[in-house]
PDB file of N, CA and C in Angstrom:
ATOM      1  N   MET A   1      22.724   2.212 -22.543  1.00  0.00           N
ATOM      2  CA  MET A   1      21.631   1.773 -23.376  1.00  0.00           C
ATOM      3  C   MET A   1      21.546   2.636 -24.635  1.00  0.00           C
ATOM      4  N   ILE A   2      21.719   3.943 -24.465  1.00  0.00           N
ATOM      5  CA  ILE A   2      21.664   4.833 -25.623  1.00  0.00           C
ATOM      6  C   ILE A   2      22.836   4.549 -26.560  1.00  0.00           C
ATOM      7  N   LYS A   3      24.011   4.257 -25.987  1.00  0.00           N
ATOM      8  CA  LYS A   3      25.171   3.939 -26.826  1.00  0.00           C
ATOM      9  C   LYS A   3      24.909   2.681 -27.647  1.00  0.00           C
ATOM     10  N   PHE A   4      24.224   1.719 -27.040  1.00  0.00           N
ATOM     11  CA  PHE A   4      23.906   0.482 -27.730  1.00  0.00           C
ATOM     12  C   PHE A   4      23.042   0.760 -28.965  1.00  0.00           C
ATOM     13  N   PHE A   5      21.969   1.548 -28.793  1.00  0.00           N
ATOM     14  CA  PHE A   5      21.100   1.859 -29.921  1.00  0.00           C
ATOM     15  C   PHE A   5      21.812   2.738 -30.954  1.00  0.00           C
ATOM     16  N   ARG A   6      22.658   3.645 -30.507  1.00  0.00           N
ATOM     17  CA  ARG A   6      23.405   4.483 -31.437  1.00  0.00           C
ATOM     18  C   ARG A   6      24.327   3.619 -32.301  1.00  0.00           C
ATOM     19  N   HIS A   7      24.950   2.629 -31.670  1.00  0.00           N
ATOM     20  CA  HIS A   7      25.838   1.730 -32.402  1.00  0.00           C
ATOM     21  C   HIS A   7      25.050   0.944 -33.459  1.00  0.00           C
ATOM     22  N   ILE A   8      23.893   0.431 -33.088  1.00  0.00           N
ATOM     23  CA  ILE A   8      23.070  -0.317 -34.042  1.00  0.00           C
ATOM     24  C   ILE A   8      22.635   0.584 -35.194  1.00  0.00           C
ATOM     25  N   ARG A   9      22.234   1.820 -34.880  1.00  0.00           N
ATOM     26  CA  ARG A   9      21.785   2.743 -35.913  1.00  0.00           C
ATOM     27  C   ARG A   9      22.926   3.039 -36.893  1.00  0.00           C
ATOM     28  N   LYS A  10      24.115   3.306 -36.367  1.00  0.00           N
ATOM     29  CA  LYS A  10      25.255   3.583 -37.244  1.00  0.00           C
ATOM     30  C   LYS A  10      25.600   2.372 -38.101  1.00  0.00           C
ATOM     31  N   GLN A  11      25.526   1.195 -37.500  1.00  0.00           N
ATOM     32  CA  GLN A  11      25.823  -0.026 -38.237  1.00  0.00           C
ATOM     33  C   GLN A  11      24.813  -0.244 -39.364  1.00  0.00           C
ATOM     34  N   LEU A  12      23.551   0.009 -39.102  1.00  0.00           N
ATOM     35  CA  LEU A  12      22.537  -0.166 -40.137  1.00  0.00           C
ATOM     36  C   LEU A  12      22.713   0.836 -41.275  1.00  0.00           C
ATOM     37  N   LEU A  13      23.159   2.039 -40.956  1.00  0.00           N
ATOM     38  CA  LEU A  13      23.322   3.058 -41.998  1.00  0.00           C
ATOM     39  C   LEU A  13      24.575   2.842 -42.836  1.00  0.00           C
ATOM     40  N   THR A  14      25.585   2.192 -42.278  1.00  0.00           N
ATOM     41  CA  THR A  14      26.839   2.028 -43.023  1.00  0.00           C
ATOM     42  C   THR A  14      26.950   0.697 -43.754  1.00  0.00           C
ATOM     43  N   GLU A  15      26.054  -0.247 -43.519  1.00  0.00           N
ATOM     44  CA  GLU A  15      26.111  -1.532 -44.218  1.00  0.00           C
ATOM     45  C   GLU A  15      25.790  -1.336 -45.696  1.00  0.00           C
ATOM     46  N   ASN A  16      26.324  -2.229 -46.528  1.00  0.00           N
ATOM     47  CA  ASN A  16      26.033  -2.208 -47.962  1.00  0.00           C
ATOM     48  C   ASN A  16      25.128  -3.386 -48.290  1.00  0.00           C
ATOM     49  N   PRO A  17      23.826  -3.201 -48.289  1.00  0.00           N
ATOM     50  CA  PRO A  17      22.924  -4.303 -48.628  1.00  0.00           C
ATOM     51  C   PRO A  17      22.994  -4.611 -50.126  1.00  0.00           C
ATOM     52  N   PRO A  18      22.613  -5.817 -50.529  1.00  0.00           N
ATOM     53  CA  PRO A  18      22.741  -6.190 -51.945  1.00  0.00           C
ATOM     54  C   PRO A  18      21.871  -5.369 -52.889  1.00  0.00           C
ATOM     55  N   ASN A  19      20.737  -4.873 -52.439  1.00  0.00           N
ATOM     56  CA  ASN A  19      19.870  -4.128 -53.351  1.00  0.00           C
ATOM     57  C   ASN A  19      20.008  -2.612 -53.193  1.00  0.00           C
ATOM     58  N   GLY A  20      21.079  -2.133 -52.651  1.00  0.00           N
ATOM     59  CA  GLY A  20      21.370  -0.708 -52.625  1.00  0.00           C
ATOM     60  C   GLY A  20      20.701   0.066 -51.506  1.00  0.00           C
ATOM     61  N   ARG A  21      20.401   1.329 -51.798  1.00  0.00           N
ATOM     62  CA  ARG A  21      19.909   2.261 -50.784  1.00  0.00           C
ATOM     63  C   ARG A  21      18.552   1.861 -50.207  1.00  0.00           C
ATOM     64  N   ALA A  22      17.693   1.240 -51.004  1.00  0.00           N
ATOM     65  CA  ALA A  22      16.368   0.855 -50.517  1.00  0.00           C
ATOM     66  C   ALA A  22      16.493  -0.120 -49.347  1.00  0.00           C
ATOM     67  N   GLY A  23      17.457  -1.009 -49.388  1.00  0.00           N
ATOM     68  CA  GLY A  23      17.668  -1.957 -48.301  1.00  0.00           C
ATOM     69  C   GLY A  23      18.106  -1.258 -47.031  1.00  0.00           C
ATOM     70  N   LYS A  24      18.965  -0.244 -47.173  1.00  0.00           N
ATOM     71  CA  LYS A  24      19.405   0.522 -45.999  1.00  0.00           C
ATOM     72  C   LYS A  24      18.217   1.202 -45.332  1.00  0.00           C
ATOM     73  N   PHE A  25      17.396   1.811 -46.175  1.00  0.00           N
ATOM     74  CA  PHE A  25      16.260   2.556 -45.630  1.00  0.00           C
ATOM     75  C   PHE A  25      15.286   1.622 -44.922  1.00  0.00           C
ATOM     76  N   SER A  26      15.018   0.474 -45.505  1.00  0.00           N
ATOM     77  CA  SER A  26      14.062  -0.445 -44.884  1.00  0.00           C
ATOM     78  C   SER A  26      14.609  -0.978 -43.563  1.00  0.00           C
ATOM     79  N   LYS A  27      15.907  -1.254 -43.491  1.00  0.00           N
ATOM     80  CA  LYS A  27      16.503  -1.698 -42.226  1.00  0.00           C
ATOM     81  C   LYS A  27      16.446  -0.583 -41.188  1.00  0.00           C
ATOM     82  N   TYR A  28      16.738   0.627 -41.608  1.00  0.00           N
ATOM     83  CA  TYR A  28      16.699   1.751 -40.674  1.00  0.00           C
ATOM     84  C   TYR A  28      15.265   2.002 -40.211  1.00  0.00           C
ATOM     85  N   LEU A  29      14.304   1.882 -41.126  1.00  0.00           N
ATOM     86  CA  LEU A  29      12.904   2.062 -40.767  1.00  0.00           C
ATOM     87  C   LEU A  29      12.472   0.996 -39.766  1.00  0.00           C
ATOM     88  N   LEU A  30      12.903  -0.234 -39.979  1.00  0.00           N
ATOM     89  CA  LEU A  30      12.592  -1.312 -39.051  1.00  0.00           C
ATOM     90  C   LEU A  30      13.205  -1.015 -37.676  1.00  0.00           C
ATOM     91  N   TYR A  31      14.434  -0.537 -37.664  1.00  0.00           N
ATOM     92  CA  TYR A  31      15.083  -0.162 -36.407  1.00  0.00           C
ATOM     93  C   TYR A  31      14.308   0.955 -35.705  1.00  0.00           C
ATOM     94  N   ALA A  32      13.896   1.978 -36.470  1.00  0.00           N
ATOM     95  CA  ALA A  32      13.175   3.112 -35.887  1.00  0.00           C
ATOM     96  C   ALA A  32      11.835   2.659 -35.303  1.00  0.00           C
ATOM     97  N   ILE A  33      11.137   1.781 -35.989  1.00  0.00           N
ATOM     98  CA  ILE A  33       9.864   1.267 -35.478  1.00  0.00           C
ATOM     99  C   ILE A  33      10.095   0.480 -34.195  1.00  0.00           C
ATOM    100  N   GLY A  34      11.153  -0.302 -34.160  1.00  0.00           N
ATOM    101  CA  GLY A  34      11.483  -1.054 -32.951  1.00  0.00           C
ATOM    102  C   GLY A  34      11.787  -0.139 -31.776  1.00  0.00           C
ATOM    103  N   GLU A  35      12.510   0.928 -32.051  1.00  0.00           N
ATOM    104  CA  GLU A  35      12.841   1.876 -30.979  1.00  0.00           C
ATOM    105  C   GLU A  35      11.576   2.590 -30.472  1.00  0.00           C
ATOM    106  N   ILE A  36      10.689   2.953 -31.374  1.00  0.00           N
ATOM    107  CA  ILE A  36       9.421   3.584 -30.976  1.00  0.00           C
ATOM    108  C   ILE A  36       8.599   2.612 -30.131  1.00  0.00           C
ATOM    109  N   ALA A  37       8.582   1.347 -30.531  1.00  0.00           N
ATOM    110  CA  ALA A  37       7.835   0.340 -29.764  1.00  0.00           C
ATOM    111  C   ALA A  37       8.401   0.215 -28.352  1.00  0.00           C
ATOM    112  N   LEU A  38       9.718   0.243 -28.213  1.00  0.00           N
ATOM    113  CA  LEU A  38      10.328   0.173 -26.881  1.00  0.00           C
ATOM    114  C   LEU A  38       9.915   1.359 -26.020  1.00  0.00           C
ATOM    115  N   VAL A  39       9.880   2.538 -26.610  1.00  0.00           N
ATOM    116  CA  VAL A  39       9.466   3.731 -25.861  1.00  0.00           C
ATOM    117  C   VAL A  39       8.014   3.615 -25.415  1.00  0.00           C
ATOM    118  N   VAL A  40       7.159   3.151 -26.315  1.00  0.00           N
ATOM    119  CA  VAL A  40       5.734   2.998 -25.974  1.00  0.00           C
ATOM    120  C   VAL A  40       5.560   1.976 -24.864  1.00  0.00           C
ATOM    121  N   ILE A  41       6.269   0.864 -24.940  1.00  0.00           N
ATOM    122  CA  ILE A  41       6.182  -0.153 -23.892  1.00  0.00           C
ATOM    123  C   ILE A  41       6.645   0.423 -22.561  1.00  0.00           C
ATOM    124  N   GLY A  42       7.722   1.193 -22.575  1.00  0.00           N
ATOM    125  CA  GLY A  42       8.205   1.823 -21.345  1.00  0.00           C
ATOM    126  C   GLY A  42       7.180   2.779 -20.751  1.00  0.00           C
ATOM    127  N   ILE A  43       6.530   3.547 -21.594  1.00  0.00           N
ATOM    128  CA  ILE A  43       5.501   4.485 -21.110  1.00  0.00           C
ATOM    129  C   ILE A  43       4.325   3.722 -20.515  1.00  0.00           C
ATOM    130  N   LEU A  44       3.899   2.642 -21.165  1.00  0.00           N
ATOM    131  CA  LEU A  44       2.783   1.851 -20.650  1.00  0.00           C
ATOM    132  C   LEU A  44       3.118   1.214 -19.304  1.00  0.00           C
ATOM    133  N   ILE A  45       4.340   0.736 -19.156  1.00  0.00           N
ATOM    134  CA  ILE A  45       4.768   0.176 -17.872  1.00  0.00           C
ATOM    135  C   ILE A  45       4.750   1.254 -16.797  1.00  0.00           C
ATOM    136  N   ALA A  46       5.255   2.433 -17.121  1.00  0.00           N
ATOM    137  CA  ALA A  46       5.269   3.531 -16.143  1.00  0.00           C
ATOM    138  C   ALA A  46       3.847   3.925 -15.742  1.00  0.00           C
ATOM    139  N   LEU A  47       2.929   3.971 -16.687  1.00  0.00           N
ATOM    140  CA  LEU A  47       1.535   4.303 -16.375  1.00  0.00           C
ATOM    141  C   LEU A  47       0.899   3.253 -15.470  1.00  0.00           C
ATOM    142  N   GLN A  48       1.206   1.976 -15.720  1.00  0.00           N
ATOM    143  CA  GLN A  48       0.648   0.909 -14.888  1.00  0.00           C
ATOM    144  C   GLN A  48       1.189   0.996 -13.467  1.00  0.00           C
ATOM    145  N   ILE A  49       2.470   1.258 -13.324  1.00  0.00           N
ATOM    146  CA  ILE A  49       3.065   1.406 -11.987  1.00  0.00           C
ATOM    147  C   ILE A  49       2.442   2.589 -11.271  1.00  0.00           C
ATOM    148  N   ASN A  50       2.223   3.686 -11.981  1.00  0.00           N
ATOM    149  CA  ASN A  50       1.598   4.862 -11.381  1.00  0.00           C
ATOM    150  C   ASN A  50       0.181   4.554 -10.921  1.00  0.00           C
ATOM    151  N   THR A  51      -0.579   3.809 -11.723  1.00  0.00           N
ATOM    152  CA  THR A  51      -1.947   3.431 -11.355  1.00  0.00           C
ATOM    153  C   THR A  51      -1.941   2.564 -10.102  1.00  0.00           C
ATOM    154  N   TRP A  52      -1.037   1.590 -10.049  1.00  0.00           N
ATOM    155  CA  TRP A  52      -0.949   0.727  -8.866  1.00  0.00           C
ATOM    156  C   TRP A  52      -0.618   1.555  -7.628  1.00  0.00           C
ATOM    157  N   ASN A  53       0.291   2.512  -7.782  1.00  0.00           N
ATOM    158  CA  ASN A  53       0.681   3.347  -6.653  1.00  0.00           C
ATOM    159  C   ASN A  53      -0.483   4.212  -6.174  1.00  0.00           C
ATOM    160  N   GLU A  54      -1.242   4.773  -7.100  1.00  0.00           N
ATOM    161  CA  GLU A  54      -2.396   5.594  -6.721  1.00  0.00           C
ATOM    162  C   GLU A  54      -3.454   4.757  -6.004  1.00  0.00           C
ATOM    163  N   GLU A  55      -3.693   3.542  -6.491  1.00  0.00           N
ATOM    164  CA  GLU A  55      -4.664   2.661  -5.834  1.00  0.00           C
ATOM    165  C   GLU A  55      -4.212   2.322  -4.420  1.00  0.00           C
ATOM    166  N   ARG A  56      -2.935   2.010  -4.272  1.00  0.00           N
ATOM    167  CA  ARG A  56      -2.387   1.686  -2.953  1.00  0.00           C
ATOM    168  C   ARG A  56      -2.525   2.872  -2.010  1.00  0.00           C
ATOM    169  N   THR A  57      -2.222   4.060  -2.487  1.00  0.00           N
ATOM    170  CA  THR A  57      -2.324   5.270  -1.670  1.00  0.00           C
ATOM    171  C   THR A  57      -3.776   5.525  -1.273  1.00  0.00           C
ATOM    172  N   THR A  58      -4.704   5.328  -2.195  1.00  0.00           N
ATOM    173  CA  THR A  58      -6.122   5.523  -1.897  1.00  0.00           C
ATOM    174  C   THR A  58      -6.590   4.541  -0.827  1.00  0.00           C
ATOM    175  N   ILE A  59      -6.182   3.297  -0.936  1.00  0.00           N
ATOM    176  CA  ILE A  59      -6.555   2.289   0.062  1.00  0.00           C
ATOM    177  C   ILE A  59      -5.972   2.643   1.427  1.00  0.00           C
ATOM    178  N   GLU A  60      -4.706   3.052   1.451  1.00  0.00           N
ATOM    179  CA  GLU A  60      -4.083   3.432   2.725  1.00  0.00           C
ATOM    180  C   GLU A  60      -4.805   4.622   3.350  1.00  0.00           C
ATOM    181  N   GLN A  61      -5.183   5.600   2.536  1.00  0.00           N
ATOM    182  CA  GLN A  61      -5.880   6.772   3.067  1.00  0.00           C
ATOM    183  C   GLN A  61      -7.254   6.397   3.612  1.00  0.00           C
ATOM    184  N   SER A  62      -7.960   5.497   2.934  1.00  0.00           N
ATOM    185  CA  SER A  62      -9.279   5.096   3.433  1.00  0.00           C
ATOM    186  C   SER A  62      -9.154   4.311   4.732  1.00  0.00           C
ATOM    187  N   ILE A  63      -8.126   3.488   4.856  1.00  0.00           N
ATOM    188  CA  ILE A  63      -7.902   2.750   6.101  1.00  0.00           C
ATOM    189  C   ILE A  63      -7.585   3.721   7.236  1.00  0.00           C
ATOM    190  N   MET A  64      -6.738   4.699   6.958  1.00  0.00           N
ATOM    191  CA  MET A  64      -6.397   5.693   7.987  1.00  0.00           C
ATOM    192  C   MET A  64      -7.632   6.500   8.384  1.00  0.00           C
ATOM    193  N   LEU A  65      -8.458   6.879   7.422  1.00  0.00           N
ATOM    194  CA  LEU A  65      -9.659   7.653   7.704  1.00  0.00           C
ATOM    195  C   LEU A  65     -10.627   6.856   8.581  1.00  0.00           C
ATOM    196  N   GLU A  66     -10.783   5.566   8.270  1.00  0.00           N
ATOM    197  CA  GLU A  66     -11.639   4.719   9.099  1.00  0.00           C
ATOM    198  C   GLU A  66     -11.100   4.634  10.523  1.00  0.00           C
ATOM    199  N   GLY A  67      -9.802   4.529  10.661  1.00  0.00           N
ATOM    200  CA  GLY A  67      -9.187   4.479  11.989  1.00  0.00           C
ATOM    201  C   GLY A  67      -9.413   5.769  12.763  1.00  0.00           C
ATOM    202  N   TYR A  68      -9.236   6.896  12.085  1.00  0.00           N
ATOM    203  CA  TYR A  68      -9.460   8.191  12.742  1.00  0.00           C
ATOM    204  C   TYR A  68     -10.920   8.345  13.165  1.00  0.00           C
ATOM    205  N   GLU A  69     -11.840   7.933  12.292  1.00  0.00           N
ATOM    206  CA  GLU A  69     -13.262   8.025  12.634  1.00  0.00           C
ATOM    207  C   GLU A  69     -13.576   7.157  13.854  1.00  0.00           C
ATOM    208  N   ARG A  70     -12.990   5.964  13.897  1.00  0.00           N
ATOM    209  CA  ARG A  70     -13.220   5.071  15.023  1.00  0.00           C
ATOM    210  C   ARG A  70     -12.681   5.689  16.315  1.00  0.00           C
ATOM    211  N   ILE A  71     -11.506   6.292  16.246  1.00  0.00           N
ATOM    212  CA  ILE A  71     -10.919   6.931  17.430  1.00  0.00           C
ATOM    213  C   ILE A  71     -11.794   8.085  17.902  1.00  0.00           C
ATOM    214  N   ILE A  72     -12.254   8.892  16.948  1.00  0.00           N
ATOM    215  CA  ILE A  72     -13.108  10.040  17.303  1.00  0.00           C
ATOM    216  C   ILE A  72     -14.414   9.552  17.910  1.00  0.00           C
ATOM    217  N   ASP A  73     -15.014   8.503  17.339  1.00  0.00           N
ATOM    218  CA  ASP A  73     -16.258   7.953  17.891  1.00  0.00           C
ATOM    219  C   ASP A  73     -16.040   7.419  19.309  1.00  0.00           C
ATOM    220  N   GLU A  74     -14.931   6.706  19.508  1.00  0.00           N
ATOM    221  CA  GLU A  74     -14.649   6.174  20.842  1.00  0.00           C
ATOM    222  C   GLU A  74     -14.419   7.298  21.842  1.00  0.00           C
ATOM    223  N   LYS A  75     -13.722   8.354  21.421  1.00  0.00           N
ATOM    224  CA  LYS A  75     -13.463   9.492  22.306  1.00  0.00           C
ATOM    225  C   LYS A  75     -14.767  10.196  22.645  1.00  0.00           C
ATOM    226  N   ALA A  76     -15.636  10.378  21.659  1.00  0.00           N
ATOM    227  CA  ALA A  76     -16.925  11.029  21.902  1.00  0.00           C
ATOM    228  C   ALA A  76     -17.780  10.182  22.833  1.00  0.00           C
ATOM    229  N   MET A  77     -17.759   8.872  22.636  1.00  0.00           N
ATOM    230  CA  MET A  77     -18.526   7.987  23.504  1.00  0.00           C
ATOM    231  C   MET A  77     -17.979   8.025  24.923  1.00  0.00           C
ATOM    232  N   ALA A  78     -16.664   8.022  25.068  1.00  0.00           N
ATOM    233  CA  ALA A  78     -16.058   8.090  26.399  1.00  0.00           C
ATOM    234  C   ALA A  78     -16.406   9.409  27.079  1.00  0.00           C
ATOM    235  N   ASP A  79     -16.382  10.509  26.337  1.00  0.00           N
ATOM    236  CA  ASP A  79     -16.756  11.808  26.913  1.00  0.00           C
ATOM    237  C   ASP A  79     -18.222  11.820  27.334  1.00  0.00           C
ATOM    238  N   LEU A  80     -19.099  11.210  26.530  1.00  0.00           N
ATOM    239  CA  LEU A  80     -20.520  11.145  26.861  1.00  0.00           C
ATOM    240  C   LEU A  80     -20.749  10.317  28.117  1.00  0.00           C
ATOM    241  N   ILE A  81     -20.088   9.194  28.225  1.00  0.00           N
ATOM    242  CA  ILE A  81     -20.225   8.328  29.393  1.00  0.00           C
ATOM    243  C   ILE A  81     -19.722   9.055  30.633  1.00  0.00           C
ATOM    244  N   ALA A  82     -18.581   9.748  30.503  1.00  0.00           N
ATOM    245  CA  ALA A  82     -18.031  10.485  31.639  1.00  0.00           C
ATOM    246  C   ALA A  82     -18.993  11.600  32.057  1.00  0.00           C
ATOM    247  N   TYR A  83     -19.610  12.260  31.110  1.00  0.00           N
ATOM    248  CA  TYR A  83     -20.559  13.320  31.428  1.00  0.00           C
ATOM    249  C   TYR A  83     -21.803  12.756  32.117  1.00  0.00           C
ATOM    250  N   LEU A  84     -22.283  11.621  31.621  1.00  0.00           N
ATOM    251  CA  LEU A  84     -23.478  11.019  32.208  1.00  0.00           C
ATOM    252  C   LEU A  84     -23.220  10.531  33.644  1.00  0.00           C
ATOM    253  N   ARG A  85     -22.010  10.082  33.903  1.00  0.00           N
ATOM    254  CA  ARG A  85     -21.668   9.627  35.255  1.00  0.00           C
ATOM    255  C   ARG A  85     -21.521  10.809  36.209  1.00  0.00           C
ATOM    256  N   ASN A  86     -20.951  11.890  35.713  1.00  0.00           N
ATOM    257  CA  ASN A  86     -20.742  13.089  36.530  1.00  0.00           C
ATOM    258  C   ASN A  86     -21.320  14.294  35.797  1.00  0.00           C
ATOM    259  N   PRO A  87     -22.612  14.532  35.901  1.00  0.00           N
ATOM    260  CA  PRO A  87     -23.212  15.614  35.121  1.00  0.00           C
ATOM    261  C   PRO A  87     -22.800  17.002  35.577  1.00  0.00           C
ATOM    262  N   GLY A  88     -22.172  17.130  36.649  1.00  0.00           N
ATOM    263  CA  GLY A  88     -21.878  18.460  37.183  1.00  0.00           C
ATOM    264  C   GLY A  88     -20.501  18.834  37.025  1.00  0.00           C
TER     265      GLY A  88
END
């Protein structure tokens, strides 16, 4: 991918546009803006994936916590019932 962009950059710098150096610069500037836009889009995609992953992890942790609480409550209730049946 980097070779592809390097090739385009070199091609834009070596072309002879009809209006001289100003045309080269404007093409190169357009290329640079496009490359910056690609980087920004990539960063935004990565941030969105990270957010989705954090939400998923939070949901999984809350489900596990509810399960643990339920197990602890059931164990405490079973211990209480066993104690009430055999207080000694």
